[in-house]
Amino acid sequence: MRGVSANDSTGKKITAVVAAAVLATLSGCSTDTTAIEPLSPDSWPAVHANAHNSGSTAVSVDAPLTLDWTRPTGGTVTSPVSIGSTGQMFVTAATESGCNLFSFEIDSARKRWCNRAGPSVVTATPTVDSAINVYIGDDSGMSSYNDHGQLRWRTPAYGVPKSAQFLGDGSVLSVTQMGQVSVLDSQTGQLRVPILDLVPAPDFLTDPNTDFRPADTGLAACSSGGSECPVPATPAVDIATETIYLTLWRPGSIAPQLVSLRYTRDGSPGLTERWSSDLLPAGVASSPVLSADGSTLYLADVDGRLTAFDTADGRQKWTEGTGIGLGSSPSIASDGTIIPAGGDGTLIGLRDNGDSAERIWMRDDVQQAGTAAQSADGRGHTVVRDGDGLALLTFDAATGETVDSQPLPDVVGSTVGTSIGPDGQVVTASYLGEIFTYTG
């Protein structure tokens, strides 16, 4: 079955009647409204593993690793692979025709299903719940598919939703690059609370002939942290407190801010702003990352700074230099070990001392070409330059010492994320669109 492809990215005038349909939901076959358990801790179900965006998992990885299989997707890959608790993998790829949303089996590389979604689906990672239902945004909508690839529901959105998150009551959080925040029922796609527009949207009630901007407006600027993309990346969520953290470039501002929102299911309104930080020193293209206890938020900017903020009030705690890697999200283990993202950056281990960051080790003999992930055994996994090619490096996260290194055959350029499967598999994808799966 093929998914619904959105076609309303042309910027045509939308009348009040048509615009009102944005609040309607296309329902799929399911009539079961039983609450679904959200993200499983023993897999990699979201773009950065979990609601905190920690880039770490409760699964251990055996070493040495061996390459189990590779498989091309047929198009470039720009967002990491997600993995459900059953080992079902999900990835998007910028293909010229045919499918651009794929599901593969982690043990066999067999394609389970594929669909054609809107072209902007490639900017997000599918989020998968414990029942292996998938949630993914594309041009003007958030959709959910079951484990066989059948459409469960589709809810219209203004813009292109970033990779989805879950809230504490099991609701799906959808935030578009245009700043529209929606909380959706995971079973039906219906709104739980009224939409919050962080950036004022066209008001079709006062002006029925308002021009709605194309769905992909500003999307190209998200990867560079430009002002044309108000919300560049997936928010972090503290499920215990129903608190949402994201970066926002407000209209007319000279720099973005870190913003905290509170979700109250029975509140009026259901989504409110708690605080916003001072203006940030540079653009941000990465997702914010929460510490394990939820007291600190970490944010990497495009100039290579890593900054820690107090989640109570948005106060800056410390900033760690520049040039520690491109502005991608760091990996943060449950013990607090911080591995900044690579992107041609040096491999570094940091410790948060409260009012400052301490470099506990540095590997200037390797150059990252991807994003690190940390496993429960105290190890890190990332792709590094290896001569003219690339290699998957496993290292001791406490010391930085190499544990294992395995080549990525015939790959040049860089990789997109590192994910860890339920049985300790390590998965990465090259930008050119090939998936690599390693097992211990």
Protein backbone atom coordinates (compact mmCIF):
# COMPACT_ATOMS: atom_id res chain seq x y z
CA MET A 1 0.00 0.00 0.00
CA ARG A 2 1.21 3.46 -0.79
CA GLY A 3 0.91 6.28 1.68
CA VAL A 4 -0.83 9.57 1.13
CA SER A 5 1.27 12.05 -0.82
CA ALA A 6 0.76 15.71 0.04
CA ASN A 7 0.45 18.10 -2.87
CA ASP A 8 -0.43 21.42 -1.17
CA SER A 9 3.08 22.94 -1.28
CA THR A 10 2.19 25.30 -4.12
CA GLY A 11 1.26 28.30 -2.02
CA LYS A 12 -2.24 28.54 -3.53
CA LYS A 13 -4.88 30.66 -1.80
CA ILE A 14 -6.94 28.62 0.61
CA THR A 15 -10.52 29.61 1.39
CA ALA A 16 -12.00 29.49 4.87
CA VAL A 17 -13.83 26.26 4.08
CA VAL A 18 -10.73 24.49 2.83
CA ALA A 19 -8.50 25.87 5.57
CA ALA A 20 -10.93 24.66 8.21
CA ALA A 21 -10.24 21.16 6.97
CA VAL A 22 -6.77 21.49 8.50
CA LEU A 23 -8.46 20.57 11.77
CA ALA A 24 -9.94 17.38 10.32
CA THR A 25 -8.22 14.00 10.42
CA LEU A 26 -8.18 11.23 7.86
CA SER A 27 -8.78 8.02 9.82
CA GLY A 28 -7.37 4.63 8.84
CA CYS A 29 -8.76 1.14 9.41
CA SER A 30 -8.13 0.89 13.15
CA THR A 31 -11.05 1.39 15.53
CA ASP A 32 -9.15 0.34 18.67
CA THR A 33 -8.65 3.36 20.93
CA THR A 34 -6.65 1.57 23.61
CA ALA A 35 -3.65 3.64 24.66
CA ILE A 36 -0.38 2.50 23.12
CA GLU A 37 2.80 2.30 25.14
CA PRO A 38 5.20 4.83 23.60
CA LEU A 39 8.95 4.47 23.02
CA SER A 40 10.65 1.21 24.05
CA PRO A 41 13.93 1.67 25.97
CA ASP A 42 15.48 -1.49 24.47
CA SER A 43 15.60 -0.22 20.89
CA TRP A 44 16.25 3.00 18.93
CA PRO A 45 12.68 4.13 18.22
CA ALA A 46 13.29 7.83 17.64
CA VAL A 47 15.72 10.06 15.77
CA HIS A 48 17.99 10.42 18.83
CA ALA A 49 16.87 7.20 20.56
CA ASN A 50 14.35 8.57 23.06
CA ALA A 51 12.30 11.52 24.28
CA HIS A 52 15.39 13.14 25.85
CA ASN A 53 17.23 12.95 22.48
CA SER A 54 20.09 11.41 24.49
CA GLY A 55 21.64 9.37 21.67
CA SER A 56 22.13 6.51 24.13
CA THR A 57 20.39 3.22 24.88
CA ALA A 58 19.85 0.62 27.61
CA VAL A 59 21.18 -2.08 25.24
CA SER A 60 24.77 -3.39 25.38
CA VAL A 61 26.91 -4.07 22.29
CA ASP A 62 29.31 -7.01 22.06
CA ALA A 63 32.75 -6.57 20.53
CA PRO A 64 34.33 -7.20 18.14
CA LEU A 65 31.68 -6.33 15.60
CA THR A 66 31.39 -7.85 12.16
CA LEU A 67 29.59 -6.47 9.13
CA ASP A 68 26.34 -8.41 8.79
CA TRP A 69 24.81 -6.81 5.70
CA THR A 70 24.55 -3.69 3.56
CA ARG A 71 21.67 -2.48 1.45
CA PRO A 72 21.17 0.59 -0.78
CA THR A 73 17.97 2.61 -0.50
CA GLY A 74 18.14 4.17 -3.96
CA GLY A 75 18.45 7.76 -2.75
CA THR A 76 20.35 10.00 -0.39
CA VAL A 77 19.69 9.61 3.35
CA THR A 78 19.74 12.70 5.58
CA SER A 79 18.12 11.46 8.82
CA PRO A 80 19.12 8.50 11.04
CA VAL A 81 17.63 5.01 10.96
CA SER A 82 15.09 4.17 13.69
CA ILE A 83 14.63 0.65 15.05
CA GLY A 84 11.65 -0.89 16.83
CA SER A 85 11.83 -3.38 19.70
CA THR A 86 11.19 -6.27 17.27
CA GLY A 87 14.12 -5.30 15.08
CA GLN A 88 12.02 -3.67 12.37
CA MET A 89 14.01 -0.76 10.90
CA PHE A 90 12.70 2.46 9.34
CA VAL A 91 14.42 5.03 7.13
CA THR A 92 13.59 7.71 4.57
CA ALA A 93 15.51 8.37 1.35
CA ALA A 94 15.37 11.05 -1.36
CA THR A 95 14.49 8.80 -4.29
CA GLU A 96 13.48 10.21 -7.67
CA SER A 97 10.60 7.77 -8.01
CA GLY A 98 9.05 4.83 -6.22
CA CYS A 99 9.21 4.52 -2.45
CA ASN A 100 10.89 7.03 -0.14
CA LEU A 101 9.79 5.54 3.22
CA PHE A 102 11.18 2.07 3.94
CA SER A 103 10.98 -0.69 6.52
CA PHE A 104 13.61 -3.47 6.69
CA GLU A 105 14.18 -6.46 8.96
CA ILE A 106 17.37 -6.00 10.97
CA ASP A 107 18.29 -9.72 10.96
CA SER A 108 17.87 -10.40 7.24
CA ALA A 109 17.88 -7.01 5.44
CA ARG A 110 14.57 -8.07 3.90
CA LYS A 111 12.33 -5.20 2.88
CA ARG A 112 9.13 -5.51 4.90
CA TRP A 113 7.28 -2.66 3.18
CA CYS A 114 7.78 0.69 1.49
CA ASN A 115 5.56 3.67 0.68
CA ARG A 116 5.72 6.89 -1.30
CA ALA A 117 5.14 9.89 0.96
CA GLY A 118 5.55 13.60 0.28
CA PRO A 119 9.04 14.69 -0.86
CA SER A 120 9.90 16.39 2.45
CA VAL A 121 9.55 13.11 4.35
CA VAL A 122 13.31 12.70 3.82
CA THR A 123 14.03 15.42 6.39
CA ALA A 124 12.73 13.31 9.29
CA THR A 125 13.29 9.96 10.98
CA PRO A 126 10.24 7.71 11.44
CA THR A 127 9.31 7.38 15.13
CA VAL A 128 8.11 3.91 16.17
CA ASP A 129 6.07 2.94 19.23
CA SER A 130 6.10 -0.35 21.16
CA ALA A 131 3.37 -1.77 18.90
CA ILE A 132 5.58 -0.96 15.86
CA ASN A 133 3.28 1.74 14.59
CA VAL A 134 5.23 4.44 12.75
CA TYR A 135 4.74 8.22 12.95
CA ILE A 136 6.29 10.42 10.26
CA GLY A 137 5.70 13.90 8.90
CA ASP A 138 5.90 15.10 5.33
CA ASP A 139 4.55 18.02 3.31
CA SER A 140 1.56 19.44 5.22
CA GLY A 141 0.82 16.48 7.44
CA MET A 142 1.70 13.93 10.13
CA SER A 143 0.89 10.31 9.28
CA SER A 144 0.88 7.01 11.13
CA TYR A 145 1.38 3.58 9.57
CA ASN A 146 1.05 0.15 11.16
CA ASP A 147 3.79 -2.50 11.10
CA HIS A 148 2.64 -3.63 7.63
CA GLY A 149 2.87 -0.13 6.15
CA GLN A 150 -0.89 0.50 6.06
CA LEU A 151 -2.00 4.06 6.74
CA ARG A 152 -3.69 4.35 10.16
CA TRP A 153 -4.39 8.07 10.02
CA ARG A 154 -3.16 11.36 8.63
CA THR A 155 -3.56 14.77 10.27
CA PRO A 156 -2.92 17.98 8.28
CA ALA A 157 -0.24 20.41 9.52
CA TYR A 158 1.04 23.82 8.50
CA GLY A 159 4.54 23.06 7.29
CA VAL A 160 6.61 19.88 7.55
CA PRO A 161 6.69 18.16 10.97
CA LYS A 162 10.10 17.38 12.41
CA SER A 163 10.68 13.83 13.72
CA ALA A 164 7.84 13.06 16.12
CA GLN A 165 8.10 12.66 19.89
CA PHE A 166 5.83 11.19 22.56
CA LEU A 167 4.43 12.95 25.62
CA GLY A 168 3.82 11.40 29.02
CA ASP A 169 0.18 10.48 28.31
CA GLY A 170 1.15 8.66 25.12
CA SER A 171 0.15 11.51 22.80
CA VAL A 172 2.21 12.29 19.69
CA LEU A 173 4.00 15.64 19.60
CA SER A 174 4.19 17.20 16.12
CA VAL A 175 6.21 20.39 15.59
CA THR A 176 6.72 21.81 12.11
CA GLN A 177 9.60 23.94 10.86
CA MET A 178 7.10 26.83 10.69
CA GLY A 179 6.53 26.63 14.44
CA GLN A 180 3.14 24.92 14.57
CA VAL A 181 2.88 22.67 17.66
CA SER A 182 0.21 19.95 17.74
CA VAL A 183 -0.55 17.19 20.25
CA LEU A 184 -2.26 14.22 18.61
CA ASP A 185 -3.98 11.05 19.83
CA SER A 186 -1.67 8.20 18.83
CA GLN A 187 -4.59 6.00 17.78
CA THR A 188 -6.72 8.43 15.81
CA GLY A 189 -4.53 11.43 15.00
CA GLN A 190 -7.12 13.77 16.50
CA LEU A 191 -6.01 16.88 18.36
CA ARG A 192 -5.73 16.49 22.13
CA VAL A 193 -5.53 20.26 22.75
CA PRO A 194 -5.74 23.34 20.51
CA ILE A 195 -2.79 24.00 18.19
CA LEU A 196 -0.10 26.42 19.36
CA ASP A 197 1.50 28.57 16.63
CA LEU A 198 4.87 29.79 17.89
CA VAL A 199 5.10 31.86 14.72
CA PRO A 200 1.83 33.59 13.79
CA ALA A 201 0.08 31.68 11.02
CA PRO A 202 -2.17 33.25 8.38
CA ASP A 203 -5.60 33.95 9.88
CA PHE A 204 -8.14 32.64 7.41
CA LEU A 205 -11.05 33.64 9.68
CA THR A 206 -10.28 37.35 9.36
CA ASP A 207 -8.97 37.12 5.80
CA PRO A 208 -10.37 34.12 3.86
CA ASN A 209 -8.10 34.92 0.89
CA THR A 210 -4.88 34.78 2.87
CA ASP A 211 -1.91 33.30 1.05
CA PHE A 212 -0.66 30.21 2.86
CA ARG A 213 3.03 29.64 2.33
CA PRO A 214 4.25 26.43 0.65
CA ALA A 215 4.67 23.58 3.12
CA ASP A 216 8.43 23.35 2.60
CA THR A 217 9.06 27.09 3.16
CA GLY A 218 12.41 27.55 4.94
CA LEU A 219 13.05 23.81 5.13
CA ALA A 220 16.37 24.08 3.29
CA ALA A 221 17.64 26.52 5.95
CA CYS A 222 17.06 24.10 8.83
CA SER A 223 20.34 22.24 8.30
CA SER A 224 22.34 25.48 8.58
CA GLY A 225 20.38 27.04 11.44
CA GLY A 226 19.12 29.92 9.30
CA SER A 227 16.38 32.33 10.34
CA GLU A 228 14.14 31.15 7.47
CA CYS A 229 13.59 27.93 9.47
CA PRO A 230 12.01 28.95 12.81
CA VAL A 231 12.16 25.45 14.37
CA PRO A 232 15.09 23.52 12.88
CA ALA A 233 15.04 20.19 14.72
CA THR A 234 13.15 17.67 16.86
CA PRO A 235 12.25 18.90 20.36
CA ALA A 236 13.31 17.16 23.56
CA VAL A 237 10.59 16.04 25.98
CA ASP A 238 10.66 15.44 29.72
CA ILE A 239 7.88 12.86 29.95
CA ALA A 240 7.74 13.05 33.76
CA THR A 241 6.88 16.75 33.76
CA GLU A 242 5.21 17.04 30.31
CA THR A 243 7.76 19.71 29.39
CA ILE A 244 8.91 20.38 25.81
CA TYR A 245 12.18 22.04 24.78
CA LEU A 246 12.96 23.40 21.31
CA THR A 247 14.87 26.17 19.57
CA LEU A 248 12.87 28.96 17.96
CA TRP A 249 13.87 31.81 15.67
CA ARG A 250 11.11 34.38 16.19
CA PRO A 251 10.12 36.71 13.32
CA GLY A 252 12.37 39.78 13.17
CA SER A 253 14.83 38.46 15.77
CA ILE A 254 18.59 38.60 15.17
CA ALA A 255 19.17 35.18 16.76
CA PRO A 256 17.22 32.11 17.94
CA GLN A 257 16.24 31.26 21.50
CA LEU A 258 15.78 28.10 23.50
CA VAL A 259 12.11 27.81 24.47
CA SER A 260 10.35 25.64 27.05
CA LEU A 261 6.68 24.69 26.72
CA ARG A 262 4.32 22.99 29.18
CA TYR A 263 1.68 20.48 28.04
CA THR A 264 -1.44 20.16 30.18
CA ARG A 265 -3.99 17.80 28.68
CA ASP A 266 -6.92 19.22 30.61
CA GLY A 267 -5.62 22.78 30.68
CA SER A 268 -6.88 25.81 28.87
CA PRO A 269 -4.80 26.40 26.87
CA GLY A 270 -3.19 22.97 26.74
CA LEU A 271 0.17 24.28 25.49
CA THR A 272 1.84 27.25 27.19
CA GLU A 273 5.29 28.83 27.10
CA ARG A 274 7.22 28.44 30.39
CA TRP A 275 10.30 30.49 29.53
CA SER A 276 12.62 31.51 26.73
CA SER A 277 16.37 31.89 27.02
CA ASP A 278 18.49 34.89 26.13
CA LEU A 279 19.35 35.15 22.44
CA LEU A 280 21.77 32.41 21.43
CA PRO A 281 25.22 33.36 20.05
CA ALA A 282 24.75 31.49 16.77
CA GLY A 283 22.22 29.58 14.72
CA VAL A 284 21.18 26.09 15.78
CA ALA A 285 20.49 23.14 13.51
CA SER A 286 20.49 20.37 16.12
CA SER A 287 18.02 19.01 18.63
CA PRO A 288 18.30 19.93 22.31
CA VAL A 289 19.30 17.06 24.61
CA LEU A 290 18.11 16.50 28.19
CA SER A 291 20.24 15.06 30.98
CA ALA A 292 19.02 11.83 32.57
CA ASP A 293 17.57 13.67 35.57
CA GLY A 294 15.96 16.36 33.41
CA SER A 295 17.71 19.23 35.19
CA THR A 296 20.04 20.28 32.36
CA LEU A 297 19.55 20.83 28.65
CA TYR A 298 22.45 20.70 26.20
CA LEU A 299 22.48 22.51 22.88
CA ALA A 300 25.08 22.55 20.10
CA ASP A 301 25.20 25.50 17.71
CA VAL A 302 26.53 25.77 14.17
CA ASP A 303 29.76 27.43 15.35
CA GLY A 304 30.71 24.31 17.32
CA ARG A 305 29.77 25.46 20.83
CA LEU A 306 28.09 23.14 23.31
CA THR A 307 26.07 25.02 25.93
CA ALA A 308 24.31 23.74 29.06
CA PHE A 309 21.09 25.37 30.33
CA ASP A 310 19.13 25.03 33.55
CA THR A 311 15.74 23.56 32.65
CA ALA A 312 14.05 25.40 35.53
CA ASP A 313 14.47 28.86 34.02
CA GLY A 314 16.61 28.69 30.85
CA ARG A 315 19.67 30.14 32.59
CA GLN A 316 22.99 29.34 30.91
CA LYS A 317 25.25 27.15 33.05
CA TRP A 318 28.36 26.89 30.85
CA THR A 319 29.64 26.92 27.28
CA GLU A 320 32.36 24.66 25.98
CA GLY A 321 34.51 26.44 23.38
CA THR A 322 34.12 26.26 19.65
CA GLY A 323 35.31 23.90 17.01
CA ILE A 324 34.45 20.66 18.83
CA GLY A 325 32.49 19.51 15.82
CA LEU A 326 29.66 20.65 13.63
CA GLY A 327 26.44 21.61 15.33
CA SER A 328 24.77 18.22 15.69
CA SER A 329 23.28 16.82 18.87
CA PRO A 330 25.69 15.23 21.38
CA SER A 331 25.27 11.76 22.88
CA ILE A 332 24.72 11.75 26.65
CA ALA A 333 24.81 8.51 28.64
CA SER A 334 22.90 7.84 31.86
CA ASP A 335 26.13 8.38 33.85
CA GLY A 336 26.48 11.86 32.33
CA THR A 337 29.28 11.13 29.83
CA ILE A 338 28.93 13.57 26.93
CA ILE A 339 30.25 12.77 23.44
CA PRO A 340 29.83 15.79 21.12
CA ALA A 341 28.82 15.06 17.55
CA GLY A 342 31.41 14.74 14.86
CA GLY A 343 30.94 16.04 11.38
CA ASP A 344 34.71 16.20 10.79
CA GLY A 345 35.30 17.07 14.44
CA THR A 346 37.74 15.59 16.95
CA LEU A 347 36.41 12.78 19.15
CA ILE A 348 36.05 14.18 22.70
CA GLY A 349 34.62 13.01 26.02
CA LEU A 350 33.15 15.62 28.39
CA ARG A 351 31.87 15.68 31.95
CA ASP A 352 29.39 18.22 33.30
CA ASN A 353 30.71 19.62 36.58
CA GLY A 354 27.70 21.85 37.16
CA ASP A 355 29.18 25.26 36.38
CA SER A 356 31.70 24.09 33.79
CA ALA A 357 32.52 21.29 31.38
CA GLU A 358 35.60 19.13 31.83
CA ARG A 359 37.36 17.43 28.92
CA ILE A 360 38.06 13.99 30.35
CA TRP A 361 39.76 12.75 27.18
CA MET A 362 40.41 13.76 23.58
CA ARG A 363 41.29 11.67 20.52
CA ASP A 364 43.10 13.96 18.10
CA ASP A 365 44.22 10.93 16.08
CA VAL A 366 40.72 10.31 14.71
CA GLN A 367 38.25 12.49 12.86
CA GLN A 368 34.54 11.84 13.18
CA ALA A 369 32.42 11.46 10.08
CA GLY A 370 29.10 10.86 11.78
CA THR A 371 27.27 11.08 15.09
CA ALA A 372 28.13 9.03 18.18
CA ALA A 373 25.80 6.67 20.06
CA GLN A 374 26.45 5.25 23.54
CA SER A 375 25.43 1.77 24.70
CA ALA A 376 24.68 0.50 28.21
CA ASP A 377 28.10 -1.16 28.60
CA GLY A 378 29.90 2.19 28.74
CA ARG A 379 30.98 2.15 25.11
CA GLY A 380 30.58 4.67 22.33
CA HIS A 381 30.11 3.98 18.64
CA THR A 382 30.76 6.42 15.82
CA VAL A 383 32.03 6.56 12.24
CA VAL A 384 35.52 8.00 11.68
CA ARG A 385 37.81 8.72 8.77
CA ASP A 386 40.02 5.75 7.89
CA GLY A 387 42.52 6.65 5.17
CA ASP A 388 40.45 7.35 2.09
CA GLY A 389 37.43 5.58 3.53
CA LEU A 390 35.39 5.27 6.70
CA ALA A 391 35.31 2.90 9.67
CA LEU A 392 32.92 2.18 12.52
CA LEU A 393 34.82 2.84 15.74
CA THR A 394 33.83 1.33 19.08
CA PHE A 395 35.54 3.03 22.02
CA ASP A 396 35.53 3.12 25.82
CA ALA A 397 33.37 6.15 26.67
CA ALA A 398 35.24 6.68 29.97
CA THR A 399 38.74 6.83 28.43
CA GLY A 400 38.29 7.19 24.65
CA GLU A 401 40.44 4.11 24.04
CA THR A 402 39.64 2.03 20.95
CA VAL A 403 37.78 -1.23 21.58
CA ASP A 404 37.13 -2.21 17.96
CA SER A 405 37.25 -0.77 14.45
CA GLN A 406 35.46 -2.14 11.40
CA PRO A 407 35.58 -0.70 7.86
CA LEU A 408 32.55 0.59 5.97
CA PRO A 409 33.26 -0.95 2.56
CA ASP A 410 33.45 1.37 -0.45
CA VAL A 411 32.03 4.42 1.32
CA VAL A 412 33.19 8.01 0.94
CA GLY A 413 31.80 11.21 2.38
CA SER A 414 29.97 10.96 5.68
CA THR A 415 27.30 8.98 7.52
CA VAL A 416 23.95 9.96 8.99
CA GLY A 417 23.61 8.97 12.62
CA THR A 418 24.45 5.77 14.51
CA SER A 419 21.64 3.59 15.88
CA ILE A 420 21.67 0.53 18.16
CA GLY A 421 19.25 -2.39 17.73
CA PRO A 422 17.49 -4.46 20.40
CA ASP A 423 20.11 -7.24 20.28
CA GLY A 424 23.14 -4.96 20.18
CA GLN A 425 23.31 -4.44 16.43
CA VAL A 426 24.96 -1.20 15.32
CA VAL A 427 23.43 0.50 12.28
CA THR A 428 24.52 3.51 10.27
CA ALA A 429 23.63 4.90 6.85
CA SER A 430 25.82 6.77 4.42
CA TYR A 431 24.66 10.07 3.03
CA LEU A 432 24.64 8.45 -0.41
CA GLY A 433 21.95 6.06 0.82
CA GLU A 434 23.48 2.71 1.85
CA ILE A 435 22.61 1.05 5.17
CA PHE A 436 25.30 -0.84 7.12
CA THR A 437 24.41 -3.26 9.91
CA TYR A 438 27.02 -4.77 12.28
CA THR A 439 26.59 -7.50 14.88
CA GLY A 440 28.73 -8.67 17.79
